[in-house]
Amino acid sequence: MKIILLIIFSFVFIVALIFSLLNFHLVQINLGFTSISLPLTVALTVELFAGIIIGLLVAFLRIIKLKSDYAHLNKQLNRSQKK
């Protein structure tokens, strides 16, 4: 299983490396109040990591809510068992 994961990771890494080498031209990014020029691969990488961070934050908030609900339900269950 580890070998299969290593092969898949290597394949994805090689495809990403080839993609980044083929798309290294500058792009203009307008932020509203300023504008910056970045290589396309850097802009896409920043966007990817921003998406990952936002996704992890949303998942983390959902996990906290579920843990809170679990604690509340567990307290209710304990109270009902004591009666």
C-alpha atoms as a PDB file:
ATOM      1  CA  MET A   1       0.000   0.000   0.000  1.00  0.00           C
ATOM      2  CA  LYS A   2       2.814   2.421   0.825  1.00  0.00           C
ATOM      3  CA  ILE A   3       4.398   1.739  -2.564  1.00  0.00           C
ATOM      4  CA  ILE A   4       1.144   2.533  -4.377  1.00  0.00           C
ATOM      5  CA  LEU A   5       0.786   5.802  -2.446  1.00  0.00           C
ATOM      6  CA  LEU A   6       4.410   6.679  -3.212  1.00  0.00           C
ATOM      7  CA  ILE A   7       3.852   6.018  -6.918  1.00  0.00           C
ATOM      8  CA  ILE A   8       0.678   8.126  -6.976  1.00  0.00           C
ATOM      9  CA  PHE A   9       2.369  10.967  -5.064  1.00  0.00           C
ATOM     10  CA  SER A  10       5.382  10.841  -7.407  1.00  0.00           C
ATOM     11  CA  PHE A  11       3.128  10.932 -10.476  1.00  0.00           C
ATOM     12  CA  VAL A  12       1.150  13.926  -9.180  1.00  0.00           C
ATOM     13  CA  PHE A  13       4.381  15.706  -8.222  1.00  0.00           C
ATOM     14  CA  ILE A  14       5.907  15.149 -11.677  1.00  0.00           C
ATOM     15  CA  VAL A  15       2.741  16.355 -13.449  1.00  0.00           C
ATOM     16  CA  ALA A  16       2.632  19.460 -11.208  1.00  0.00           C
ATOM     17  CA  LEU A  17       6.318  20.140 -11.851  1.00  0.00           C
ATOM     18  CA  ILE A  18       5.850  19.883 -15.622  1.00  0.00           C
ATOM     19  CA  PHE A  19       2.764  22.124 -15.422  1.00  0.00           C
ATOM     20  CA  SER A  20       4.649  24.738 -13.408  1.00  0.00           C
ATOM     21  CA  LEU A  21       7.609  24.747 -15.803  1.00  0.00           C
ATOM     22  CA  LEU A  22       5.329  25.176 -18.817  1.00  0.00           C
ATOM     23  CA  ASN A  23       3.333  28.035 -17.222  1.00  0.00           C
ATOM     24  CA  PHE A  24       5.941  30.316 -15.724  1.00  0.00           C
ATOM     25  CA  HIS A  25       4.830  33.574 -17.401  1.00  0.00           C
ATOM     26  CA  LEU A  26       3.813  36.570 -15.300  1.00  0.00           C
ATOM     27  CA  VAL A  27       0.177  37.341 -14.560  1.00  0.00           C
ATOM     28  CA  GLN A  28      -1.244  40.601 -13.259  1.00  0.00           C
ATOM     29  CA  ILE A  29      -3.390  40.231 -10.142  1.00  0.00           C
ATOM     30  CA  ASN A  30      -5.644  43.165  -9.283  1.00  0.00           C
ATOM     31  CA  LEU A  31      -6.458  43.290  -5.556  1.00  0.00           C
ATOM     32  CA  GLY A  32      -8.680  46.360  -5.818  1.00  0.00           C
ATOM     33  CA  PHE A  33      -6.386  48.742  -3.956  1.00  0.00           C
ATOM     34  CA  THR A  34      -3.169  47.519  -5.616  1.00  0.00           C
ATOM     35  CA  SER A  35      -1.966  45.286  -8.371  1.00  0.00           C
ATOM     36  CA  ILE A  36       0.869  42.746  -8.323  1.00  0.00           C
ATOM     37  CA  SER A  37       2.647  40.649 -10.923  1.00  0.00           C
ATOM     38  CA  LEU A  38       3.439  37.039 -10.073  1.00  0.00           C
ATOM     39  CA  PRO A  39       4.413  33.965 -12.028  1.00  0.00           C
ATOM     40  CA  LEU A  40       1.305  31.905 -12.793  1.00  0.00           C
ATOM     41  CA  THR A  41       2.595  28.919 -10.816  1.00  0.00           C
ATOM     42  CA  VAL A  42       3.136  31.042  -7.704  1.00  0.00           C
ATOM     43  CA  ALA A  43      -0.335  32.585  -8.013  1.00  0.00           C
ATOM     44  CA  LEU A  44      -1.936  29.143  -8.392  1.00  0.00           C
ATOM     45  CA  THR A  45       0.055  27.763  -5.455  1.00  0.00           C
ATOM     46  CA  VAL A  46      -1.002  30.655  -3.214  1.00  0.00           C
ATOM     47  CA  GLU A  47      -4.614  30.135  -4.300  1.00  0.00           C
ATOM     48  CA  LEU A  48      -4.358  26.402  -3.593  1.00  0.00           C
ATOM     49  CA  PHE A  49      -3.004  26.914  -0.078  1.00  0.00           C
ATOM     50  CA  ALA A  50      -5.572  29.637   0.637  1.00  0.00           C
ATOM     51  CA  GLY A  51      -8.302  27.189  -0.366  1.00  0.00           C
ATOM     52  CA  ILE A  52      -6.811  24.468   1.819  1.00  0.00           C
ATOM     53  CA  ILE A  53      -6.617  26.810   4.814  1.00  0.00           C
ATOM     54  CA  ILE A  54     -10.200  27.999   4.315  1.00  0.00           C
ATOM     55  CA  GLY A  55     -11.395  24.391   3.993  1.00  0.00           C
ATOM     56  CA  LEU A  56      -9.543  23.340   7.135  1.00  0.00           C
ATOM     57  CA  LEU A  57     -10.968  26.303   9.039  1.00  0.00           C
ATOM     58  CA  VAL A  58     -14.533  25.415   7.996  1.00  0.00           C
ATOM     59  CA  ALA A  59     -13.945  21.759   8.919  1.00  0.00           C
ATOM     60  CA  PHE A  60     -12.437  22.775  12.262  1.00  0.00           C
ATOM     61  CA  LEU A  61     -15.444  24.953  13.103  1.00  0.00           C
ATOM     62  CA  ARG A  62     -17.777  22.089  12.171  1.00  0.00           C
ATOM     63  CA  ILE A  63     -15.812  19.672  14.372  1.00  0.00           C
ATOM     64  CA  ILE A  64     -16.017  22.086  17.316  1.00  0.00           C
ATOM     65  CA  LYS A  65     -19.800  22.363  16.861  1.00  0.00           C
ATOM     66  CA  LEU A  66     -20.170  18.571  16.683  1.00  0.00           C
ATOM     67  CA  LYS A  67     -18.072  18.115  19.835  1.00  0.00           C
ATOM     68  CA  SER A  68     -20.228  20.675  21.619  1.00  0.00           C
ATOM     69  CA  ASP A  69     -23.389  18.873  20.507  1.00  0.00           C
ATOM     70  CA  TYR A  70     -21.915  15.541  21.639  1.00  0.00           C
ATOM     71  CA  ALA A  71     -21.071  16.924  25.090  1.00  0.00           C
ATOM     72  CA  HIS A  72     -24.563  18.399  25.435  1.00  0.00           C
ATOM     73  CA  LEU A  73     -26.234  15.128  24.422  1.00  0.00           C
ATOM     74  CA  ASN A  74     -23.929  13.139  26.697  1.00  0.00           C
ATOM     75  CA  LYS A  75     -24.940  15.354  29.652  1.00  0.00           C
ATOM     76  CA  GLN A  76     -28.609  14.816  28.815  1.00  0.00           C
ATOM     77  CA  LEU A  77     -28.076  11.067  28.636  1.00  0.00           C
ATOM     78  CA  ASN A  78     -26.295  11.010  32.010  1.00  0.00           C
ATOM     79  CA  ARG A  79     -29.096  13.060  33.590  1.00  0.00           C
ATOM     80  CA  SER A  80     -31.783  10.761  32.210  1.00  0.00           C
ATOM     81  CA  GLN A  81     -29.921   7.648  33.422  1.00  0.00           C
ATOM     82  CA  LYS A  82     -29.634   9.035  36.955  1.00  0.00           C
ATOM     83  CA  LYS A  83     -33.413   9.521  37.227  1.00  0.00           C
END
